[in-house]
PDB file of N, CA and C in Angstrom:
ATOM      1  N   UNK A   1      -2.001 -17.123  -7.251  1.00  0.00           N
ATOM      2  CA  UNK A   1      -2.693 -16.231  -8.141  1.00  0.00           C
ATOM      3  C   UNK A   1      -3.228 -16.994  -9.352  1.00  0.00           C
ATOM      4  N   UNK A   2      -2.464 -17.954  -9.848  1.00  0.00           N
ATOM      5  CA  UNK A   2      -2.914 -18.718 -11.006  1.00  0.00           C
ATOM      6  C   UNK A   2      -4.127 -19.577 -10.692  1.00  0.00           C
ATOM      7  N   UNK A   3      -4.341 -19.891  -9.429  1.00  0.00           N
ATOM      8  CA  UNK A   3      -5.502 -20.686  -9.031  1.00  0.00           C
ATOM      9  C   UNK A   3      -6.757 -19.837  -8.867  1.00  0.00           C
ATOM     10  N   UNK A   4      -6.612 -18.526  -9.029  1.00  0.00           N
ATOM     11  CA  UNK A   4      -7.755 -17.643  -8.890  1.00  0.00           C
ATOM     12  C   UNK A   4      -8.034 -17.216  -7.458  1.00  0.00           C
ATOM     13  N   UNK A   5      -7.135 -17.508  -6.564  1.00  0.00           N
ATOM     14  CA  UNK A   5      -7.298 -17.134  -5.164  1.00  0.00           C
ATOM     15  C   UNK A   5      -6.591 -15.799  -4.930  1.00  0.00           C
ATOM     16  N   UNK A   6      -7.179 -14.749  -5.458  1.00  0.00           N
ATOM     17  CA  UNK A   6      -6.535 -13.445  -5.460  1.00  0.00           C
ATOM     18  C   UNK A   6      -6.415 -12.850  -4.057  1.00  0.00           C
ATOM     19  N   UNK A   7      -7.419 -13.059  -3.233  1.00  0.00           N
ATOM     20  CA  UNK A   7      -7.357 -12.531  -1.865  1.00  0.00           C
ATOM     21  C   UNK A   7      -6.226 -13.195  -1.085  1.00  0.00           C
ATOM     22  N   UNK A   8      -6.049 -14.493  -1.274  1.00  0.00           N
ATOM     23  CA  UNK A   8      -4.963 -15.200  -0.593  1.00  0.00           C
ATOM     24  C   UNK A   8      -3.598 -14.775  -1.111  1.00  0.00           C
ATOM     25  N   UNK A   9      -3.499 -14.551  -2.409  1.00  0.00           N
ATOM     26  CA  UNK A   9      -2.229 -14.096  -2.992  1.00  0.00           C
ATOM     27  C   UNK A   9      -1.866 -12.708  -2.471  1.00  0.00           C
ATOM     28  N   UNK A  10      -2.847 -11.839  -2.387  1.00  0.00           N
ATOM     29  CA  UNK A  10      -2.594 -10.496  -1.869  1.00  0.00           C
ATOM     30  C   UNK A  10      -2.207 -10.549  -0.392  1.00  0.00           C
ATOM     31  N   UNK A  11      -2.883 -11.396   0.361  1.00  0.00           N
ATOM     32  CA  UNK A  11      -2.559 -11.539   1.782  1.00  0.00           C
ATOM     33  C   UNK A  11      -1.138 -12.056   1.968  1.00  0.00           C
ATOM     34  N   UNK A  12      -0.716 -12.969   1.111  1.00  0.00           N
ATOM     35  CA  UNK A  12       0.642 -13.510   1.214  1.00  0.00           C
ATOM     36  C   UNK A  12       1.686 -12.434   0.902  1.00  0.00           C
ATOM     37  N   UNK A  13       1.412 -11.595  -0.077  1.00  0.00           N
ATOM     38  CA  UNK A  13       2.356 -10.531  -0.426  1.00  0.00           C
ATOM     39  C   UNK A  13       2.404  -9.441   0.641  1.00  0.00           C
ATOM     40  N   UNK A  14       1.276  -9.183   1.270  1.00  0.00           N
ATOM     41  CA  UNK A  14       1.216  -8.121   2.267  1.00  0.00           C
ATOM     42  C   UNK A  14       1.426  -8.626   3.685  1.00  0.00           C
ATOM     43  N   UNK A  15       1.569  -9.927   3.867  1.00  0.00           N
ATOM     44  CA  UNK A  15       1.760 -10.551   5.183  1.00  0.00           C
ATOM     45  C   UNK A  15       0.607 -10.200   6.118  1.00  0.00           C
ATOM     46  N   UNK A  16      -0.604 -10.285   5.597  1.00  0.00           N
ATOM     47  CA  UNK A  16      -1.813 -10.048   6.380  1.00  0.00           C
ATOM     48  C   UNK A  16      -2.758 -11.213   6.174  1.00  0.00           C
ATOM     49  N   UNK A  17      -3.795 -11.292   6.985  1.00  0.00           N
ATOM     50  CA  UNK A  17      -4.793 -12.331   6.801  1.00  0.00           C
ATOM     51  C   UNK A  17      -5.768 -11.909   5.716  1.00  0.00           C
ATOM     52  N   UNK A  18      -6.494 -12.875   5.169  1.00  0.00           N
ATOM     53  CA  UNK A  18      -7.463 -12.590   4.118  1.00  0.00           C
ATOM     54  C   UNK A  18      -8.561 -11.673   4.654  1.00  0.00           C
ATOM     55  N   UNK A  19      -8.973 -11.857   5.904  1.00  0.00           N
ATOM     56  CA  UNK A  19     -10.010 -11.012   6.493  1.00  0.00           C
ATOM     57  C   UNK A  19      -9.559  -9.559   6.586  1.00  0.00           C
ATOM     58  N   UNK A  20      -8.293  -9.324   6.930  1.00  0.00           N
ATOM     59  CA  UNK A  20      -7.770  -7.959   6.996  1.00  0.00           C
ATOM     60  C   UNK A  20      -7.755  -7.315   5.618  1.00  0.00           C
ATOM     61  N   UNK A  21      -7.426  -8.082   4.594  1.00  0.00           N
ATOM     62  CA  UNK A  21      -7.384  -7.553   3.225  1.00  0.00           C
ATOM     63  C   UNK A  21      -8.787  -7.178   2.769  1.00  0.00           C
ATOM     64  N   UNK A  22      -9.758  -8.050   3.006  1.00  0.00           N
ATOM     65  CA  UNK A  22     -11.118  -7.809   2.542  1.00  0.00           C
ATOM     66  C   UNK A  22     -11.794  -6.674   3.295  1.00  0.00           C
ATOM     67  N   UNK A  23     -11.389  -6.402   4.520  1.00  0.00           N
ATOM     68  CA  UNK A  23     -12.017  -5.337   5.298  1.00  0.00           C
ATOM     69  C   UNK A  23     -11.446  -3.961   4.969  1.00  0.00           C
ATOM     70  N   UNK A  24     -10.301  -3.896   4.277  1.00  0.00           N
ATOM     71  CA  UNK A  24      -9.698  -2.616   3.927  1.00  0.00           C
ATOM     72  C   UNK A  24     -10.316  -2.079   2.654  1.00  0.00           C
ATOM     73  N   UNK A  25     -10.555  -0.767   2.633  1.00  0.00           N
ATOM     74  CA  UNK A  25     -11.094  -0.147   1.421  1.00  0.00           C
ATOM     75  C   UNK A  25     -10.000   0.510   0.589  1.00  0.00           C
ATOM     76  N   UNK A  26      -8.850   0.801   1.208  1.00  0.00           N
ATOM     77  CA  UNK A  26      -7.746   1.423   0.477  1.00  0.00           C
ATOM     78  C   UNK A  26      -6.503   0.579   0.646  1.00  0.00           C
ATOM     79  N   UNK A  27      -5.545   0.808  -0.235  1.00  0.00           N
ATOM     80  CA  UNK A  27      -4.275   0.096  -0.170  1.00  0.00           C
ATOM     81  C   UNK A  27      -3.269   0.945   0.572  1.00  0.00           C
ATOM     82  N   UNK A  28      -2.772   0.438   1.702  1.00  0.00           N
ATOM     83  CA  UNK A  28      -1.738   1.142   2.432  1.00  0.00           C
ATOM     84  C   UNK A  28      -0.879   0.126   3.151  1.00  0.00           C
ATOM     85  N   UNK A  29       0.263   0.560   3.616  1.00  0.00           N
ATOM     86  CA  UNK A  29       1.134  -0.338   4.350  1.00  0.00           C
ATOM     87  C   UNK A  29       1.815  -1.378   3.495  1.00  0.00           C
ATOM     88  N   UNK A  30       2.160  -1.037   2.270  1.00  0.00           N
ATOM     89  CA  UNK A  30       2.752  -2.010   1.359  1.00  0.00           C
ATOM     90  C   UNK A  30       4.264  -1.839   1.250  1.00  0.00           C
ATOM     91  N   UNK A  31       4.894  -1.282   2.267  1.00  0.00           N
ATOM     92  CA  UNK A  31       6.323  -1.037   2.182  1.00  0.00           C
ATOM     93  C   UNK A  31       7.158  -2.309   2.334  1.00  0.00           C
ATOM     94  N   UNK A  32       6.561  -3.376   2.835  1.00  0.00           N
ATOM     95  CA  UNK A  32       7.301  -4.608   3.060  1.00  0.00           C
ATOM     96  C   UNK A  32       6.927  -5.705   2.065  1.00  0.00           C
ATOM     97  N   UNK A  33       6.703  -5.329   0.826  1.00  0.00           N
ATOM     98  CA  UNK A  33       6.338  -6.296  -0.203  1.00  0.00           C
ATOM     99  C   UNK A  33       7.579  -7.069  -0.616  1.00  0.00           C
ATOM    100  N   UNK A  34       7.515  -8.404  -0.596  1.00  0.00           N
ATOM    101  CA  UNK A  34       8.700  -9.187  -0.973  1.00  0.00           C
ATOM    102  C   UNK A  34       8.986  -9.116  -2.469  1.00  0.00           C
ATOM    103  N   UNK A  35      10.226  -9.337  -2.816  1.00  0.00           N
ATOM    104  CA  UNK A  35      10.706  -9.395  -4.202  1.00  0.00           C
ATOM    105  C   UNK A  35      10.664  -8.066  -4.939  1.00  0.00           C
ATOM    106  N   UNK A  36      10.606  -6.978  -4.230  1.00  0.00           N
ATOM    107  CA  UNK A  36      10.732  -5.660  -4.825  1.00  0.00           C
ATOM    108  C   UNK A  36       9.749  -5.383  -5.944  1.00  0.00           C
ATOM    109  N   UNK A  37      10.260  -5.043  -7.112  1.00  0.00           N
ATOM    110  CA  UNK A  37       9.427  -4.653  -8.245  1.00  0.00           C
ATOM    111  C   UNK A  37       8.486  -5.770  -8.674  1.00  0.00           C
ATOM    112  N   UNK A  38       8.940  -7.004  -8.628  1.00  0.00           N
ATOM    113  CA  UNK A  38       8.089  -8.129  -9.031  1.00  0.00           C
ATOM    114  C   UNK A  38       6.911  -8.289  -8.074  1.00  0.00           C
ATOM    115  N   UNK A  39       7.141  -8.072  -6.794  1.00  0.00           N
ATOM    116  CA  UNK A  39       6.057  -8.148  -5.817  1.00  0.00           C
ATOM    117  C   UNK A  39       5.021  -7.060  -6.051  1.00  0.00           C
ATOM    118  N   UNK A  40       5.491  -5.850  -6.328  1.00  0.00           N
ATOM    119  CA  UNK A  40       4.555  -4.763  -6.615  1.00  0.00           C
ATOM    120  C   UNK A  40       3.808  -5.004  -7.920  1.00  0.00           C
ATOM    121  N   UNK A  41       4.465  -5.613  -8.896  1.00  0.00           N
ATOM    122  CA  UNK A  41       3.784  -5.954 -10.148  1.00  0.00           C
ATOM    123  C   UNK A  41       2.663  -6.962  -9.882  1.00  0.00           C
ATOM    124  N   UNK A  42       2.942  -7.960  -9.055  1.00  0.00           N
ATOM    125  CA  UNK A  42       1.900  -8.931  -8.727  1.00  0.00           C
ATOM    126  C   UNK A  42       0.738  -8.269  -7.989  1.00  0.00           C
ATOM    127  N   UNK A  43       1.053  -7.374  -7.065  1.00  0.00           N
ATOM    128  CA  UNK A  43      -0.019  -6.646  -6.373  1.00  0.00           C
ATOM    129  C   UNK A  43      -0.840  -5.814  -7.350  1.00  0.00           C
ATOM    130  N   UNK A  44      -0.176  -5.180  -8.295  1.00  0.00           N
ATOM    131  CA  UNK A  44      -0.889  -4.410  -9.310  1.00  0.00           C
ATOM    132  C   UNK A  44      -1.794  -5.286 -10.154  1.00  0.00           C
ATOM    133  N   UNK A  45      -1.323  -6.449 -10.504  1.00  0.00           N
ATOM    134  CA  UNK A  45      -2.124  -7.386 -11.283  1.00  0.00           C
ATOM    135  C   UNK A  45      -3.339  -7.851 -10.492  1.00  0.00           C
ATOM    136  N   UNK A  46      -3.137  -8.151  -9.218  1.00  0.00           N
ATOM    137  CA  UNK A  46      -4.244  -8.574  -8.360  1.00  0.00           C
ATOM    138  C   UNK A  46      -5.271  -7.455  -8.235  1.00  0.00           C
ATOM    139  N   UNK A  47      -4.813  -6.241  -7.998  1.00  0.00           N
ATOM    140  CA  UNK A  47      -5.736  -5.108  -7.876  1.00  0.00           C
ATOM    141  C   UNK A  47      -6.471  -4.854  -9.184  1.00  0.00           C
ATOM    142  N   UNK A  48      -5.801  -5.010 -10.296  1.00  0.00           N
ATOM    143  CA  UNK A  48      -6.431  -4.829 -11.599  1.00  0.00           C
ATOM    144  C   UNK A  48      -7.533  -5.866 -11.815  1.00  0.00           C
ATOM    145  N   UNK A  49      -7.280  -7.105 -11.444  1.00  0.00           N
ATOM    146  CA  UNK A  49      -8.272  -8.167 -11.618  1.00  0.00           C
ATOM    147  C   UNK A  49      -9.441  -8.056 -10.654  1.00  0.00           C
ATOM    148  N   UNK A  50      -9.255  -7.338  -9.557  1.00  0.00           N
ATOM    149  CA  UNK A  50     -10.333  -7.160  -8.585  1.00  0.00           C
ATOM    150  C   UNK A  50     -10.957  -5.778  -8.693  1.00  0.00           C
ATOM    151  N   UNK A  51     -10.786  -5.123  -9.838  1.00  0.00           N
ATOM    152  CA  UNK A  51     -11.400  -3.829 -10.161  1.00  0.00           C
ATOM    153  C   UNK A  51     -11.034  -2.714  -9.192  1.00  0.00           C
ATOM    154  N   UNK A  52      -9.792  -2.692  -8.766  1.00  0.00           N
ATOM    155  CA  UNK A  52      -9.265  -1.587  -7.967  1.00  0.00           C
ATOM    156  C   UNK A  52      -8.185  -0.911  -8.800  1.00  0.00           C
ATOM    157  N   UNK A  53      -8.630  -0.141  -9.769  1.00  0.00           N
ATOM    158  CA  UNK A  53      -7.730   0.420 -10.783  1.00  0.00           C
ATOM    159  C   UNK A  53      -6.723   1.417 -10.203  1.00  0.00           C
ATOM    160  N   UNK A  54      -7.157   2.277  -9.282  1.00  0.00           N
ATOM    161  CA  UNK A  54      -6.238   3.264  -8.712  1.00  0.00           C
ATOM    162  C   UNK A  54      -5.111   2.595  -7.932  1.00  0.00           C
ATOM    163  N   UNK A  55      -5.450   1.569  -7.169  1.00  0.00           N
ATOM    164  CA  UNK A  55      -4.423   0.843  -6.420  1.00  0.00           C
ATOM    165  C   UNK A  55      -3.494   0.102  -7.379  1.00  0.00           C
ATOM    166  N   UNK A  56      -4.045  -0.435  -8.466  1.00  0.00           N
ATOM    167  CA  UNK A  56      -3.223  -1.134  -9.459  1.00  0.00           C
ATOM    168  C   UNK A  56      -2.214  -0.196 -10.082  1.00  0.00           C
ATOM    169  N   UNK A  57      -2.663   0.997 -10.452  1.00  0.00           N
ATOM    170  CA  UNK A  57      -1.755   1.983 -11.053  1.00  0.00           C
ATOM    171  C   UNK A  57      -0.653   2.348 -10.062  1.00  0.00           C
ATOM    172  N   UNK A  58      -1.025   2.529  -8.799  1.00  0.00           N
ATOM    173  CA  UNK A  58      -0.037   2.871  -7.769  1.00  0.00           C
ATOM    174  C   UNK A  58       1.030   1.783  -7.645  1.00  0.00           C
ATOM    175  N   UNK A  59       0.612   0.520  -7.642  1.00  0.00           N
ATOM    176  CA  UNK A  59       1.564  -0.581  -7.512  1.00  0.00           C
ATOM    177  C   UNK A  59       2.433  -0.729  -8.752  1.00  0.00           C
ATOM    178  N   UNK A  60       1.847  -0.550  -9.930  1.00  0.00           N
ATOM    179  CA  UNK A  60       2.639  -0.617 -11.159  1.00  0.00           C
ATOM    180  C   UNK A  60       3.673   0.509 -11.197  1.00  0.00           C
ATOM    181  N   UNK A  61       3.282   1.709 -10.776  1.00  0.00           N
ATOM    182  CA  UNK A  61       4.223   2.837 -10.737  1.00  0.00           C
ATOM    183  C   UNK A  61       5.345   2.589  -9.739  1.00  0.00           C
ATOM    184  N   UNK A  62       5.016   1.993  -8.606  1.00  0.00           N
ATOM    185  CA  UNK A  62       6.048   1.670  -7.617  1.00  0.00           C
ATOM    186  C   UNK A  62       7.020   0.648  -8.186  1.00  0.00           C
ATOM    187  N   UNK A  63       6.491  -0.341  -8.907  1.00  0.00           N
ATOM    188  CA  UNK A  63       7.360  -1.342  -9.536  1.00  0.00           C
ATOM    189  C   UNK A  63       8.305  -0.673 -10.529  1.00  0.00           C
ATOM    190  N   UNK A  64       7.789   0.277 -11.301  1.00  0.00           N
ATOM    191  CA  UNK A  64       8.632   0.979 -12.276  1.00  0.00           C
ATOM    192  C   UNK A  64       9.638   1.901 -11.600  1.00  0.00           C
ATOM    193  N   UNK A  65       9.280   2.474 -10.472  1.00  0.00           N
ATOM    194  CA  UNK A  65      10.235   3.308  -9.742  1.00  0.00           C
ATOM    195  C   UNK A  65      11.386   2.476  -9.188  1.00  0.00           C
ATOM    196  N   UNK A  66      11.078   1.259  -8.765  1.00  0.00           N
ATOM    197  CA  UNK A  66      12.122   0.388  -8.237  1.00  0.00           C
ATOM    198  C   UNK A  66      13.010  -0.172  -9.345  1.00  0.00           C
ATOM    199  N   UNK A  67      12.403  -0.483 -10.483  1.00  0.00           N
ATOM    200  CA  UNK A  67      13.148  -1.069 -11.602  1.00  0.00           C
ATOM    201  C   UNK A  67      12.563  -0.523 -12.910  1.00  0.00           C
ATOM    202  N   UNK A  68      13.154   0.536 -13.457  1.00  0.00           N
ATOM    203  CA  UNK A  68      12.590   1.224 -14.622  1.00  0.00           C
ATOM    204  C   UNK A  68      12.466   0.367 -15.889  1.00  0.00           C
ATOM    205  N   UNK A  69      13.183  -0.719 -15.974  1.00  0.00           N
ATOM    206  CA  UNK A  69      13.127  -1.551 -17.176  1.00  0.00           C
ATOM    207  C   UNK A  69      12.197  -2.744 -17.020  1.00  0.00           C
ATOM    208  N   UNK A  70      11.295  -2.687 -16.072  1.00  0.00           N
ATOM    209  CA  UNK A  70      10.329  -3.757 -15.824  1.00  0.00           C
ATOM    210  C   UNK A  70       9.124  -3.522 -16.740  1.00  0.00           C
ATOM    211  N   UNK A  71       9.257  -3.964 -17.994  1.00  0.00           N
ATOM    212  CA  UNK A  71       8.311  -3.617 -19.041  1.00  0.00           C
ATOM    213  C   UNK A  71       6.924  -4.174 -18.806  1.00  0.00           C
ATOM    214  N   UNK A  72       6.779  -5.244 -18.085  1.00  0.00           N
ATOM    215  CA  UNK A  72       5.454  -5.795 -17.804  1.00  0.00           C
ATOM    216  C   UNK A  72       4.588  -4.780 -17.064  1.00  0.00           C
ATOM    217  N   UNK A  73       5.192  -4.054 -16.148  1.00  0.00           N
ATOM    218  CA  UNK A  73       4.453  -3.065 -15.358  1.00  0.00           C
ATOM    219  C   UNK A  73       4.116  -1.831 -16.180  1.00  0.00           C
ATOM    220  N   UNK A  74       4.877  -1.584 -17.220  1.00  0.00           N
ATOM    221  CA  UNK A  74       4.639  -0.422 -18.048  1.00  0.00           C
ATOM    222  C   UNK A  74       3.407  -0.640 -18.890  1.00  0.00           C
TER     223      UNK A  74
END
C-alpha cells in the first residue's frame, strides 16, 4: 500500500487477483480478511483512496465492530 499499488494490496487482503478486483463494481465477499480489524481498516483506507466512499465506510464500521477501541477507523 505504501508503494501506491492499491489494487495489489486489496487483492492480497481479499485473496483475489488484481483483475477480479478491478472487474467488481461492489465490495462483497470480505469475510476472510486477514488480521481482523486491522485488515478491514486497510481495506477501508484503500477504498477511500480509490474514491469508493461507501465501501470505505462499510470496512471502517466492520473494523470498529470487531474492535471498538480501534481509533484509527473511527
